C-alpha atoms as a PDB file:
ATOM      1  CA  UNK A   1      37.625 -26.034 -49.963  1.00  0.00           C
ATOM      2  CA  UNK A   2      35.114 -22.953 -50.685  1.00  0.00           C
ATOM      3  CA  UNK A   3      34.894 -19.835 -48.619  1.00  0.00           C
ATOM      4  CA  UNK A   4      31.731 -17.887 -49.131  1.00  0.00           C
ATOM      5  CA  UNK A   5      31.805 -14.234 -47.911  1.00  0.00           C
ATOM      6  CA  UNK A   6      28.708 -13.950 -44.844  1.00  0.00           C
ATOM      7  CA  UNK A   7      28.160 -11.493 -41.777  1.00  0.00           C
ATOM      8  CA  UNK A   8      28.858 -12.260 -38.461  1.00  0.00           C
ATOM      9  CA  UNK A   9      26.465 -10.645 -35.815  1.00  0.00           C
ATOM     10  CA  UNK A  10      27.819 -10.523 -32.225  1.00  0.00           C
ATOM     11  CA  UNK A  11      24.703  -8.873 -29.618  1.00  0.00           C
ATOM     12  CA  UNK A  12      25.555  -8.054 -25.901  1.00  0.00           C
ATOM     13  CA  UNK A  13      22.184  -8.741 -24.692  1.00  0.00           C
ATOM     14  CA  UNK A  14      20.284  -9.198 -21.036  1.00  0.00           C
ATOM     15  CA  UNK A  15      19.683 -12.605 -20.334  1.00  0.00           C
ATOM     16  CA  UNK A  16      16.638 -12.565 -19.965  1.00  0.00           C
ATOM     17  CA  UNK A  17      16.098 -11.112 -23.327  1.00  0.00           C
ATOM     18  CA  UNK A  18      17.710 -14.031 -25.174  1.00  0.00           C
ATOM     19  CA  UNK A  19      14.391 -15.690 -26.317  1.00  0.00           C
ATOM     20  CA  UNK A  20      13.231 -12.586 -27.773  1.00  0.00           C
ATOM     21  CA  UNK A  21      16.360 -12.283 -29.723  1.00  0.00           C
ATOM     22  CA  UNK A  22      16.687 -15.836 -31.180  1.00  0.00           C
ATOM     23  CA  UNK A  23      13.276 -15.642 -32.011  1.00  0.00           C
ATOM     24  CA  UNK A  24      13.882 -12.237 -34.003  1.00  0.00           C
ATOM     25  CA  UNK A  25      16.689 -13.907 -35.651  1.00  0.00           C
ATOM     26  CA  UNK A  26      14.307 -16.481 -36.689  1.00  0.00           C
ATOM     27  CA  UNK A  27      11.786 -14.361 -37.887  1.00  0.00           C
ATOM     28  CA  UNK A  28      14.101 -12.959 -40.801  1.00  0.00           C
ATOM     29  CA  UNK A  29      15.792 -16.653 -41.700  1.00  0.00           C
ATOM     30  CA  UNK A  30      18.277 -17.160 -39.246  1.00  0.00           C
ATOM     31  CA  UNK A  31      17.893 -20.559 -37.919  1.00  0.00           C
ATOM     32  CA  UNK A  32      21.225 -21.169 -35.970  1.00  0.00           C
ATOM     33  CA  UNK A  33      23.052 -18.982 -33.307  1.00  0.00           C
ATOM     34  CA  UNK A  34      25.053 -19.677 -29.904  1.00  0.00           C
ATOM     35  CA  UNK A  35      24.542 -17.893 -26.563  1.00  0.00           C
ATOM     36  CA  UNK A  36      27.502 -17.486 -24.227  1.00  0.00           C
ATOM     37  CA  UNK A  37      27.803 -16.542 -20.983  1.00  0.00           C
ATOM     38  CA  UNK A  38      29.689 -13.377 -19.951  1.00  0.00           C
ATOM     39  CA  UNK A  39      31.037 -12.766 -16.658  1.00  0.00           C
ATOM     40  CA  UNK A  40      31.635  -8.725 -16.245  1.00  0.00           C
ATOM     41  CA  UNK A  41      32.375  -5.795 -18.406  1.00  0.00           C
ATOM     42  CA  UNK A  42      31.709  -2.052 -18.250  1.00  0.00           C
ATOM     43  CA  UNK A  43      29.396  -0.088 -20.561  1.00  0.00           C
ATOM     44  CA  UNK A  44      27.239   3.257 -20.368  1.00  0.00           C
ATOM     45  CA  UNK A  45      25.947   2.263 -17.215  1.00  0.00           C
ATOM     46  CA  UNK A  46      29.002   1.521 -15.602  1.00  0.00           C
ATOM     47  CA  UNK A  47      30.621  -1.396 -14.335  1.00  0.00           C
ATOM     48  CA  UNK A  48      28.893  -4.500 -14.164  1.00  0.00           C
ATOM     49  CA  UNK A  49      29.689  -8.501 -12.969  1.00  0.00           C
ATOM     50  CA  UNK A  50      27.492 -10.998 -13.205  1.00  0.00           C
ATOM     51  CA  UNK A  51      27.269 -12.548  -9.741  1.00  0.00           C
ATOM     52  CA  UNK A  52      23.826 -13.598  -7.332  1.00  0.00           C
ATOM     53  CA  UNK A  53      24.385 -11.326  -4.990  1.00  0.00           C
ATOM     54  CA  UNK A  54      24.917  -8.125  -6.753  1.00  0.00           C
ATOM     55  CA  UNK A  55      21.293  -7.951  -8.548  1.00  0.00           C
ATOM     56  CA  UNK A  56      23.042  -7.089 -11.709  1.00  0.00           C
ATOM     57  CA  UNK A  57      21.622  -8.344 -14.866  1.00  0.00           C
ATOM     58  CA  UNK A  58      23.434 -11.419 -16.139  1.00  0.00           C
ATOM     59  CA  UNK A  59      24.172 -10.924 -19.830  1.00  0.00           C
ATOM     60  CA  UNK A  60      25.076 -13.202 -22.815  1.00  0.00           C
ATOM     61  CA  UNK A  61      26.527 -12.667 -26.365  1.00  0.00           C
ATOM     62  CA  UNK A  62      24.312 -13.876 -28.951  1.00  0.00           C
ATOM     63  CA  UNK A  63      26.516 -14.885 -31.956  1.00  0.00           C
ATOM     64  CA  UNK A  64      25.187 -16.047 -35.132  1.00  0.00           C
ATOM     65  CA  UNK A  65      26.345 -16.232 -39.205  1.00  0.00           C
ATOM     66  CA  UNK A  66      24.188 -15.433 -42.025  1.00  0.00           C
ATOM     67  CA  UNK A  67      23.685 -13.592 -45.342  1.00  0.00           C
ATOM     68  CA  UNK A  68      24.211 -10.154 -46.008  1.00  0.00           C
ATOM     69  CA  UNK A  69      20.164  -9.742 -46.627  1.00  0.00           C
ATOM     70  CA  UNK A  70      19.345 -11.504 -43.317  1.00  0.00           C
ATOM     71  CA  UNK A  71      21.616  -9.597 -41.100  1.00  0.00           C
ATOM     72  CA  UNK A  72      20.394  -6.559 -42.375  1.00  0.00           C
ATOM     73  CA  UNK A  73      16.752  -7.599 -42.064  1.00  0.00           C
ATOM     74  CA  UNK A  74      17.685  -8.832 -38.418  1.00  0.00           C
ATOM     75  CA  UNK A  75      19.553  -5.714 -37.509  1.00  0.00           C
ATOM     76  CA  UNK A  76      16.022  -3.766 -39.001  1.00  0.00           C
ATOM     77  CA  UNK A  77      13.831  -5.804 -36.467  1.00  0.00           C
ATOM     78  CA  UNK A  78      15.662  -5.023 -33.575  1.00  0.00           C
ATOM     79  CA  UNK A  79      16.565  -1.445 -34.168  1.00  0.00           C
ATOM     80  CA  UNK A  80      13.386  -0.252 -32.603  1.00  0.00           C
ATOM     81  CA  UNK A  81      14.570  -1.355 -29.436  1.00  0.00           C
ATOM     82  CA  UNK A  82      18.252  -0.610 -29.192  1.00  0.00           C
ATOM     83  CA  UNK A  83      17.914   2.277 -26.449  1.00  0.00           C
ATOM     84  CA  UNK A  84      15.274   0.487 -24.383  1.00  0.00           C
ATOM     85  CA  UNK A  85      17.003  -3.156 -24.069  1.00  0.00           C
ATOM     86  CA  UNK A  86      20.878  -1.272 -24.151  1.00  0.00           C
ATOM     87  CA  UNK A  87      21.712  -3.777 -26.631  1.00  0.00           C
ATOM     88  CA  UNK A  88      25.751  -3.567 -27.779  1.00  0.00           C
ATOM     89  CA  UNK A  89      25.669  -4.895 -31.967  1.00  0.00           C
ATOM     90  CA  UNK A  90      28.661  -5.601 -34.320  1.00  0.00           C
ATOM     91  CA  UNK A  91      29.041  -6.710 -37.336  1.00  0.00           C
ATOM     92  CA  UNK A  92      31.671  -8.160 -39.097  1.00  0.00           C
ATOM     93  CA  UNK A  93      32.366  -9.837 -42.652  1.00  0.00           C
ATOM     94  CA  UNK A  94      33.706 -13.545 -42.284  1.00  0.00           C
ATOM     95  CA  UNK A  95      34.009 -16.548 -44.777  1.00  0.00           C
ATOM     96  CA  UNK A  96      32.624 -20.126 -44.036  1.00  0.00           C
ATOM     97  CA  UNK A  97      32.825 -23.150 -45.285  1.00  0.00           C
ATOM     98  CA  UNK A  98      29.393 -24.449 -46.311  1.00  0.00           C
ATOM     99  CA  UNK A  99      28.013 -21.081 -46.800  1.00  0.00           C
ATOM    100  CA  UNK A 100      25.130 -23.081 -47.683  1.00  0.00           C
ATOM    101  CA  UNK A 101      24.349 -23.492 -44.155  1.00  0.00           C
ATOM    102  CA  UNK A 102      23.835 -19.719 -43.481  1.00  0.00           C
END
């Protein structure tokens, strides 16, 4: 079994921005991703919790695997919005099976 090096992209994003983020990924050729709900956390703006009554905006974790070129293009595409949207982005090296899919 051959392992292929790829990039794992993770973005903590406000739930209303998930469609925009997915479209941005698709726009650079990243067609597969996952979105996971997040229940609570803390950041520069303080602590938050996903509770209907608190008025806090729900957050999601966007996860995608891509080639280095596609990951770089994705980061360049969303870079102008980092501060305005308060995005937290991590990028790491991973090895995947069936690398042709990513």
